[in-house]
Each structure stands twice: as C-alpha cells, then as structure tokens.
Amino acid sequence: MMWIITKYFLTAGVVVLVSEAAKRSDRLGGFIAALPLITILTLIWLYIEKQPPEKIASHAYYTFWYVVPTLPIFLAFPLLLERFGFWPTLGLCVMLSAVCFGVFSIILRQFGINLL
C-alpha cells in the first residue's frame, strides 16, 4: 500500500511542478510539460514492479503512437480559447483529439499498426 501512495505522490508532484512552472514562465511550463515525465515515471514503475521487458517496451511503443494524434490540440487550443472560453475550448480539444485519434488509427491500420 505504501508503494502505491508513493507512486501517487511522485506522479502528482510532476503535475504540480508543471503547473507551478507555467505560472512563472509560459515557456518553461510548456517545456517541462512537453517532457515525457509521466511516461518516464510509468516506465520506472513498471521496471521496479518487475514487469517483463516486452511489456515495458510495448508501453513505450504505444505511447509514441498515442501521442501523435493529440498534437493538433496544442495548436487548436490557443486559437479557440479567446473565441469560446476555457471549458468549451477544452471540450472541443478533447473531441478533436478523439477524431484525430480515430483517423490516425485507421491510417496506421493500413501499415499493420493496430491501436484499437
């Protein structure tokens, strides 16, 4: 149980680090947020918990493919924010990510990569 609590606190600490850095500097906050800190922590947790190397490698592999269709929201969000406000923009970006993911997974399926 203590291990799970430790994982929660360290992982939550990354989110707090990003939000605090973003308050002070947009660039620094964006840079830290762009680092794959959660993925790195996840890989560490999987390794420490003695998951097989194939599972750890598979996680990294699929993370790459799942990140790609989320990238358009980082361009859409600033454009939509002034027009629609925060919450509607966030909702629209979630929908945009879902659409991009669906289209991306259909395209990748033609190359033998199955995301769904």
N, C-alpha and C. Protein backbone atom coordinates (compact mmCIF):
# COMPACT_ATOMS: atom_id res chain seq x y z
N MET A 1 0.83 -1.20 0.00
CA MET A 1 0.00 0.00 0.00
C MET A 1 0.87 1.26 0.00
N MET A 2 1.96 1.23 0.77
CA MET A 2 2.84 2.39 0.83
C MET A 2 3.44 2.69 -0.54
N TRP A 3 3.72 1.63 -1.32
CA TRP A 3 4.29 1.81 -2.65
C TRP A 3 3.30 2.58 -3.55
N ILE A 4 2.04 2.24 -3.49
CA ILE A 4 1.03 2.91 -4.30
C ILE A 4 0.92 4.39 -3.90
N ILE A 5 0.95 4.65 -2.61
CA ILE A 5 0.88 6.04 -2.13
C ILE A 5 2.10 6.82 -2.61
N THR A 6 3.28 6.20 -2.57
CA THR A 6 4.50 6.84 -3.06
C THR A 6 4.37 7.16 -4.55
N LYS A 7 3.86 6.20 -5.32
CA LYS A 7 3.67 6.43 -6.76
C LYS A 7 2.72 7.60 -7.00
N TYR A 8 1.63 7.65 -6.25
CA TYR A 8 0.67 8.75 -6.40
C TYR A 8 1.32 10.10 -6.12
N PHE A 9 2.05 10.19 -5.02
CA PHE A 9 2.66 11.47 -4.65
C PHE A 9 3.72 11.91 -5.65
N LEU A 10 4.57 11.00 -6.10
CA LEU A 10 5.60 11.38 -7.06
C LEU A 10 4.99 11.78 -8.40
N THR A 11 4.00 11.02 -8.84
CA THR A 11 3.36 11.33 -10.12
C THR A 11 2.59 12.64 -10.03
N ALA A 12 1.87 12.86 -8.94
CA ALA A 12 1.15 14.12 -8.75
C ALA A 12 2.13 15.28 -8.65
N GLY A 13 3.29 15.02 -8.07
CA GLY A 13 4.32 16.05 -7.96
C GLY A 13 4.74 16.58 -9.31
N VAL A 14 4.75 15.72 -10.32
CA VAL A 14 5.11 16.15 -11.67
C VAL A 14 4.07 17.15 -12.18
N VAL A 15 2.80 16.87 -11.95
CA VAL A 15 1.74 17.77 -12.40
C VAL A 15 1.85 19.12 -11.69
N VAL A 16 2.11 19.08 -10.39
CA VAL A 16 2.26 20.33 -9.63
C VAL A 16 3.48 21.10 -10.13
N LEU A 17 4.57 20.41 -10.40
CA LEU A 17 5.78 21.04 -10.93
C LEU A 17 5.48 21.78 -12.23
N VAL A 18 4.77 21.13 -13.13
CA VAL A 18 4.44 21.76 -14.42
C VAL A 18 3.54 22.98 -14.21
N SER A 19 2.51 22.84 -13.40
CA SER A 19 1.58 23.97 -13.23
C SER A 19 2.26 25.14 -12.52
N GLU A 20 3.11 24.87 -11.56
CA GLU A 20 3.83 25.95 -10.88
C GLU A 20 4.84 26.62 -11.80
N ALA A 21 5.53 25.83 -12.61
CA ALA A 21 6.48 26.40 -13.57
C ALA A 21 5.74 27.24 -14.60
N ALA A 22 4.57 26.78 -15.04
CA ALA A 22 3.79 27.51 -16.04
C ALA A 22 3.30 28.85 -15.49
N LYS A 23 3.04 28.94 -14.19
CA LYS A 23 2.64 30.22 -13.59
C LYS A 23 3.74 31.25 -13.71
N ARG A 24 4.97 30.80 -13.61
CA ARG A 24 6.12 31.70 -13.63
C ARG A 24 6.62 32.00 -15.04
N SER A 25 6.53 31.00 -15.92
CA SER A 25 7.03 31.18 -17.28
C SER A 25 6.28 30.26 -18.22
N ASP A 26 5.62 30.85 -19.22
CA ASP A 26 4.91 30.05 -20.22
C ASP A 26 5.85 29.07 -20.91
N ARG A 27 7.02 29.58 -21.27
CA ARG A 27 7.99 28.75 -22.00
C ARG A 27 8.50 27.60 -21.14
N LEU A 28 8.88 27.91 -19.91
CA LEU A 28 9.39 26.86 -19.02
C LEU A 28 8.31 25.84 -18.72
N GLY A 29 7.11 26.30 -18.43
CA GLY A 29 6.00 25.38 -18.17
C GLY A 29 5.71 24.50 -19.37
N GLY A 30 5.71 25.10 -20.56
CA GLY A 30 5.49 24.31 -21.77
C GLY A 30 6.60 23.31 -22.01
N PHE A 31 7.83 23.74 -21.76
CA PHE A 31 8.97 22.84 -21.95
C PHE A 31 8.87 21.64 -21.01
N ILE A 32 8.61 21.90 -19.73
CA ILE A 32 8.51 20.81 -18.76
C ILE A 32 7.33 19.90 -19.10
N ALA A 33 6.21 20.51 -19.50
CA ALA A 33 5.04 19.71 -19.86
C ALA A 33 5.30 18.84 -21.08
N ALA A 34 6.13 19.33 -21.99
CA ALA A 34 6.43 18.56 -23.20
C ALA A 34 7.35 17.37 -22.94
N LEU A 35 8.07 17.43 -21.83
CA LEU A 35 8.92 16.29 -21.50
C LEU A 35 8.03 15.10 -21.15
N PRO A 36 8.42 13.94 -21.53
CA PRO A 36 7.57 12.76 -21.24
C PRO A 36 7.75 12.26 -19.80
N LEU A 37 7.55 13.16 -18.84
CA LEU A 37 7.82 12.82 -17.44
C LEU A 37 6.90 11.72 -16.91
N ILE A 38 5.63 11.80 -17.23
CA ILE A 38 4.69 10.76 -16.76
C ILE A 38 5.05 9.42 -17.39
N THR A 39 5.39 9.42 -18.67
CA THR A 39 5.76 8.18 -19.32
C THR A 39 7.04 7.62 -18.71
N ILE A 40 8.01 8.49 -18.45
CA ILE A 40 9.26 8.02 -17.83
C ILE A 40 8.97 7.43 -16.46
N LEU A 41 8.14 8.10 -15.67
CA LEU A 41 7.78 7.55 -14.37
C LEU A 41 7.06 6.20 -14.52
N THR A 42 6.18 6.11 -15.49
CA THR A 42 5.47 4.85 -15.72
C THR A 42 6.44 3.74 -16.08
N LEU A 43 7.40 4.03 -16.95
CA LEU A 43 8.41 3.02 -17.31
C LEU A 43 9.21 2.60 -16.07
N ILE A 44 9.54 3.58 -15.24
CA ILE A 44 10.26 3.26 -14.00
C ILE A 44 9.40 2.38 -13.09
N TRP A 45 8.12 2.76 -12.93
CA TRP A 45 7.24 1.96 -12.07
C TRP A 45 7.13 0.53 -12.61
N LEU A 46 6.96 0.39 -13.92
CA LEU A 46 6.85 -0.95 -14.49
C LEU A 46 8.12 -1.76 -14.25
N TYR A 47 9.27 -1.11 -14.41
CA TYR A 47 10.55 -1.80 -14.20
C TYR A 47 10.72 -2.21 -12.74
N ILE A 48 10.47 -1.28 -11.82
CA ILE A 48 10.62 -1.58 -10.39
C ILE A 48 9.66 -2.69 -9.97
N GLU A 49 8.49 -2.71 -10.59
CA GLU A 49 7.49 -3.74 -10.26
C GLU A 49 7.74 -5.04 -11.02
N LYS A 50 8.93 -5.15 -11.64
CA LYS A 50 9.40 -6.35 -12.30
C LYS A 50 8.50 -6.85 -13.43
N GLN A 51 7.98 -5.90 -14.19
CA GLN A 51 7.22 -6.28 -15.38
C GLN A 51 8.21 -6.77 -16.44
N PRO A 52 7.78 -7.66 -17.32
CA PRO A 52 8.69 -8.17 -18.34
C PRO A 52 9.14 -7.05 -19.28
N PRO A 53 10.38 -7.13 -19.79
CA PRO A 53 10.88 -6.11 -20.71
C PRO A 53 9.97 -5.90 -21.92
N GLU A 54 9.33 -6.96 -22.38
CA GLU A 54 8.43 -6.83 -23.53
C GLU A 54 7.26 -5.91 -23.21
N LYS A 55 6.73 -6.01 -21.99
CA LYS A 55 5.61 -5.16 -21.58
C LYS A 55 6.05 -3.70 -21.49
N ILE A 56 7.23 -3.46 -20.94
CA ILE A 56 7.76 -2.10 -20.81
C ILE A 56 7.99 -1.51 -22.20
N ALA A 57 8.60 -2.29 -23.08
CA ALA A 57 8.86 -1.83 -24.45
C ALA A 57 7.55 -1.56 -25.18
N SER A 58 6.58 -2.42 -24.99
CA SER A 58 5.27 -2.25 -25.65
C SER A 58 4.60 -0.96 -25.17
N HIS A 59 4.73 -0.67 -23.87
CA HIS A 59 4.14 0.57 -23.35
C HIS A 59 4.77 1.79 -24.04
N ALA A 60 6.09 1.79 -24.15
CA ALA A 60 6.78 2.91 -24.80
C ALA A 60 6.36 3.02 -26.27
N TYR A 61 6.26 1.89 -26.94
CA TYR A 61 5.88 1.85 -28.36
C TYR A 61 4.50 2.46 -28.57
N TYR A 62 3.52 1.99 -27.78
CA TYR A 62 2.16 2.50 -27.96
C TYR A 62 2.02 3.95 -27.50
N THR A 63 2.78 4.35 -26.51
CA THR A 63 2.75 5.74 -26.08
C THR A 63 3.13 6.66 -27.23
N PHE A 64 4.15 6.27 -27.97
CA PHE A 64 4.55 7.08 -29.14
C PHE A 64 3.38 7.26 -30.08
N TRP A 65 2.73 6.18 -30.45
CA TRP A 65 1.64 6.27 -31.43
C TRP A 65 0.43 7.01 -30.88
N TYR A 66 0.19 6.96 -29.57
CA TYR A 66 -0.95 7.67 -28.99
C TYR A 66 -0.69 9.16 -28.82
N VAL A 67 0.57 9.55 -28.75
CA VAL A 67 0.89 10.98 -28.61
C VAL A 67 0.65 11.73 -29.92
N VAL A 68 0.99 11.14 -31.02
CA VAL A 68 0.93 11.82 -32.33
C VAL A 68 -0.44 12.46 -32.60
N PRO A 69 -1.56 11.74 -32.45
CA PRO A 69 -2.84 12.38 -32.77
C PRO A 69 -3.31 13.42 -31.75
N THR A 70 -2.62 13.54 -30.63
CA THR A 70 -3.00 14.57 -29.66
C THR A 70 -2.32 15.90 -29.94
N LEU A 71 -1.32 15.92 -30.78
CA LEU A 71 -0.56 17.15 -31.02
C LEU A 71 -1.38 18.30 -31.59
N PRO A 72 -2.36 18.06 -32.48
CA PRO A 72 -3.13 19.21 -33.00
C PRO A 72 -3.84 20.04 -31.94
N ILE A 73 -4.17 19.47 -30.79
CA ILE A 73 -4.88 20.27 -29.78
C ILE A 73 -4.02 21.40 -29.26
N PHE A 74 -2.70 21.24 -29.31
CA PHE A 74 -1.84 22.29 -28.80
C PHE A 74 -1.79 23.49 -29.73
N LEU A 75 -2.17 23.30 -30.98
CA LEU A 75 -2.32 24.42 -31.91
C LEU A 75 -3.75 24.96 -31.87
N ALA A 76 -4.71 24.07 -31.72
CA ALA A 76 -6.12 24.48 -31.72
C ALA A 76 -6.50 25.24 -30.44
N PHE A 77 -5.97 24.81 -29.31
CA PHE A 77 -6.37 25.40 -28.03
C PHE A 77 -6.19 26.92 -28.00
N PRO A 78 -5.01 27.44 -28.34
CA PRO A 78 -4.87 28.91 -28.29
C PRO A 78 -5.79 29.64 -29.26
N LEU A 79 -6.07 29.02 -30.39
CA LEU A 79 -6.94 29.66 -31.39
C LEU A 79 -8.40 29.69 -30.92
N LEU A 80 -8.82 28.64 -30.23
CA LEU A 80 -10.22 28.54 -29.80
C LEU A 80 -10.49 29.24 -28.47
N LEU A 81 -9.48 29.41 -27.65
CA LEU A 81 -9.67 29.91 -26.29
C LEU A 81 -10.33 31.28 -26.24
N GLU A 82 -9.84 32.22 -27.03
CA GLU A 82 -10.43 33.57 -27.00
C GLU A 82 -11.86 33.58 -27.51
N ARG A 83 -12.13 32.71 -28.44
CA ARG A 83 -13.45 32.70 -29.07
C ARG A 83 -14.51 32.01 -28.21
N PHE A 84 -14.13 30.90 -27.54
CA PHE A 84 -15.13 30.08 -26.85
C PHE A 84 -14.98 30.04 -25.32
N GLY A 85 -13.86 30.49 -24.78
CA GLY A 85 -13.62 30.38 -23.34
C GLY A 85 -12.97 29.05 -23.01
N PHE A 86 -12.57 28.93 -21.74
CA PHE A 86 -11.76 27.79 -21.33
C PHE A 86 -12.47 26.44 -21.45
N TRP A 87 -13.60 26.27 -20.76
CA TRP A 87 -14.23 24.95 -20.71
C TRP A 87 -14.73 24.48 -22.07
N PRO A 88 -15.40 25.31 -22.85
CA PRO A 88 -15.80 24.85 -24.19
C PRO A 88 -14.59 24.50 -25.06
N THR A 89 -13.53 25.30 -24.95
CA THR A 89 -12.32 25.01 -25.72
C THR A 89 -11.73 23.68 -25.30
N LEU A 90 -11.68 23.43 -24.01
CA LEU A 90 -11.16 22.16 -23.53
C LEU A 90 -11.99 21.00 -24.07
N GLY A 91 -13.30 21.14 -24.03
CA GLY A 91 -14.19 20.10 -24.57
C GLY A 91 -13.98 19.89 -26.07
N LEU A 92 -13.88 21.00 -26.81
CA LEU A 92 -13.63 20.90 -28.25
C LEU A 92 -12.30 20.21 -28.55
N CYS A 93 -11.30 20.50 -27.74
CA CYS A 93 -9.99 19.90 -27.95
C CYS A 93 -10.01 18.40 -27.63
N VAL A 94 -10.78 18.02 -26.63
CA VAL A 94 -10.93 16.59 -26.33
C VAL A 94 -11.60 15.89 -27.52
N MET A 95 -12.65 16.51 -28.06
CA MET A 95 -13.31 15.94 -29.23
C MET A 95 -12.37 15.89 -30.44
N LEU A 96 -11.60 16.96 -30.64
CA LEU A 96 -10.63 17.00 -31.73
C LEU A 96 -9.61 15.87 -31.58
N SER A 97 -9.15 15.65 -30.37
CA SER A 97 -8.20 14.56 -30.12
C SER A 97 -8.83 13.21 -30.47
N ALA A 98 -10.09 13.02 -30.08
CA ALA A 98 -10.77 11.76 -30.38
C ALA A 98 -10.89 11.55 -31.88
N VAL A 99 -11.26 12.60 -32.60
CA VAL A 99 -11.38 12.49 -34.06
C VAL A 99 -10.02 12.22 -34.69
N CYS A 100 -9.01 12.97 -34.26
CA CYS A 100 -7.65 12.75 -34.80
C CYS A 100 -7.17 11.34 -34.51
N PHE A 101 -7.46 10.86 -33.29
CA PHE A 101 -7.06 9.51 -32.94
C PHE A 101 -7.75 8.48 -33.82
N GLY A 102 -9.06 8.65 -34.05
CA GLY A 102 -9.79 7.72 -34.90
C GLY A 102 -9.24 7.67 -36.32
N VAL A 103 -9.03 8.86 -36.89
CA VAL A 103 -8.49 8.93 -38.25
C VAL A 103 -7.08 8.34 -38.29
N PHE A 104 -6.27 8.69 -37.31
CA PHE A 104 -4.88 8.21 -37.25
C PHE A 104 -4.84 6.70 -37.12
N SER A 105 -5.72 6.13 -36.30
CA SER A 105 -5.71 4.68 -36.12
C SER A 105 -6.14 3.96 -37.40
N ILE A 106 -7.05 4.56 -38.15
CA ILE A 106 -7.46 3.96 -39.43
C ILE A 106 -6.30 3.99 -40.42
N ILE A 107 -5.58 5.10 -40.45
CA ILE A 107 -4.43 5.20 -41.35
C ILE A 107 -3.35 4.20 -40.94
N LEU A 108 -3.05 4.12 -39.66
CA LEU A 108 -1.99 3.21 -39.21
C LEU A 108 -2.34 1.75 -39.42
N ARG A 109 -3.62 1.43 -39.35
CA ARG A 109 -4.05 0.04 -39.57
C ARG A 109 -3.59 -0.46 -40.93
N GLN A 110 -3.56 0.46 -41.91
CA GLN A 110 -3.11 0.07 -43.26
C GLN A 110 -1.62 -0.30 -43.28
N PHE A 111 -0.89 0.09 -42.24
CA PHE A 111 0.54 -0.24 -42.13
C PHE A 111 0.80 -1.34 -41.10
N GLY A 112 -0.26 -2.00 -40.66
CA GLY A 112 -0.12 -3.10 -39.72
C GLY A 112 0.02 -2.69 -38.27
N ILE A 113 -0.29 -1.42 -37.94
CA ILE A 113 -0.22 -0.95 -36.57
C ILE A 113 -1.64 -0.79 -36.05
N ASN A 114 -2.01 -1.61 -35.08
CA ASN A 114 -3.37 -1.59 -34.56
C ASN A 114 -3.41 -0.91 -33.20
N LEU A 115 -4.05 0.23 -33.14
CA LEU A 115 -4.15 0.99 -31.88
C LEU A 115 -5.45 0.70 -31.13
N LEU A 116 -6.43 0.23 -31.81
CA LEU A 116 -7.72 -0.06 -31.16
C LEU A 116 -7.92 -1.55 -31.02
